[in-house]
């Protein structure tokens, strides 16, 4: 629910956002991790975290390929928004939906960038849920994680979000 709220906030405030993009971000928020079997699987955000997680080989493969699996599922869904499969495939920065990217290239779509930022901001919100949420620190953490201008423009939109 937090991811949907944050993603929708970004889409509503970005200059190219529209009702179609709003529907798409909500659809993607629901389906992006649908292939994962445990909450612990969804907490993995890098190859290093996956390596250290202590999962068996089957779990590692599932976590590594979950974006590809979810994208293929969404492709078969008769009423999925156009391009939702591509964004799901790219939600960890790799175009093929396998693994986790440490560096996000220029080939990642703008809507994927919105989703990547929304997902990371959600992770940060949940990490700080026990204490006081400091928006400035949270946005600084995002900016450090995503230093390119394509990401920075999206991150700036989070200065107006209400929690």
Foldseek 3Di string as FASTA:
>chain_A
DQLLQQLLLLLVPDPPHDPLLNVLSNVLVVQLQVQQDDPLLVVDQAPVCLVPVPDDPVNSQCSQQRLLVSLVVLVPDPDHRPPSSQLSLCLQQDRNNGGHDQDHDPVRDLSSLSSNLSVQLVVVCVVCVVDDDDLVVSLVVSCVSHVDPSNNVSSVSCVPDDD
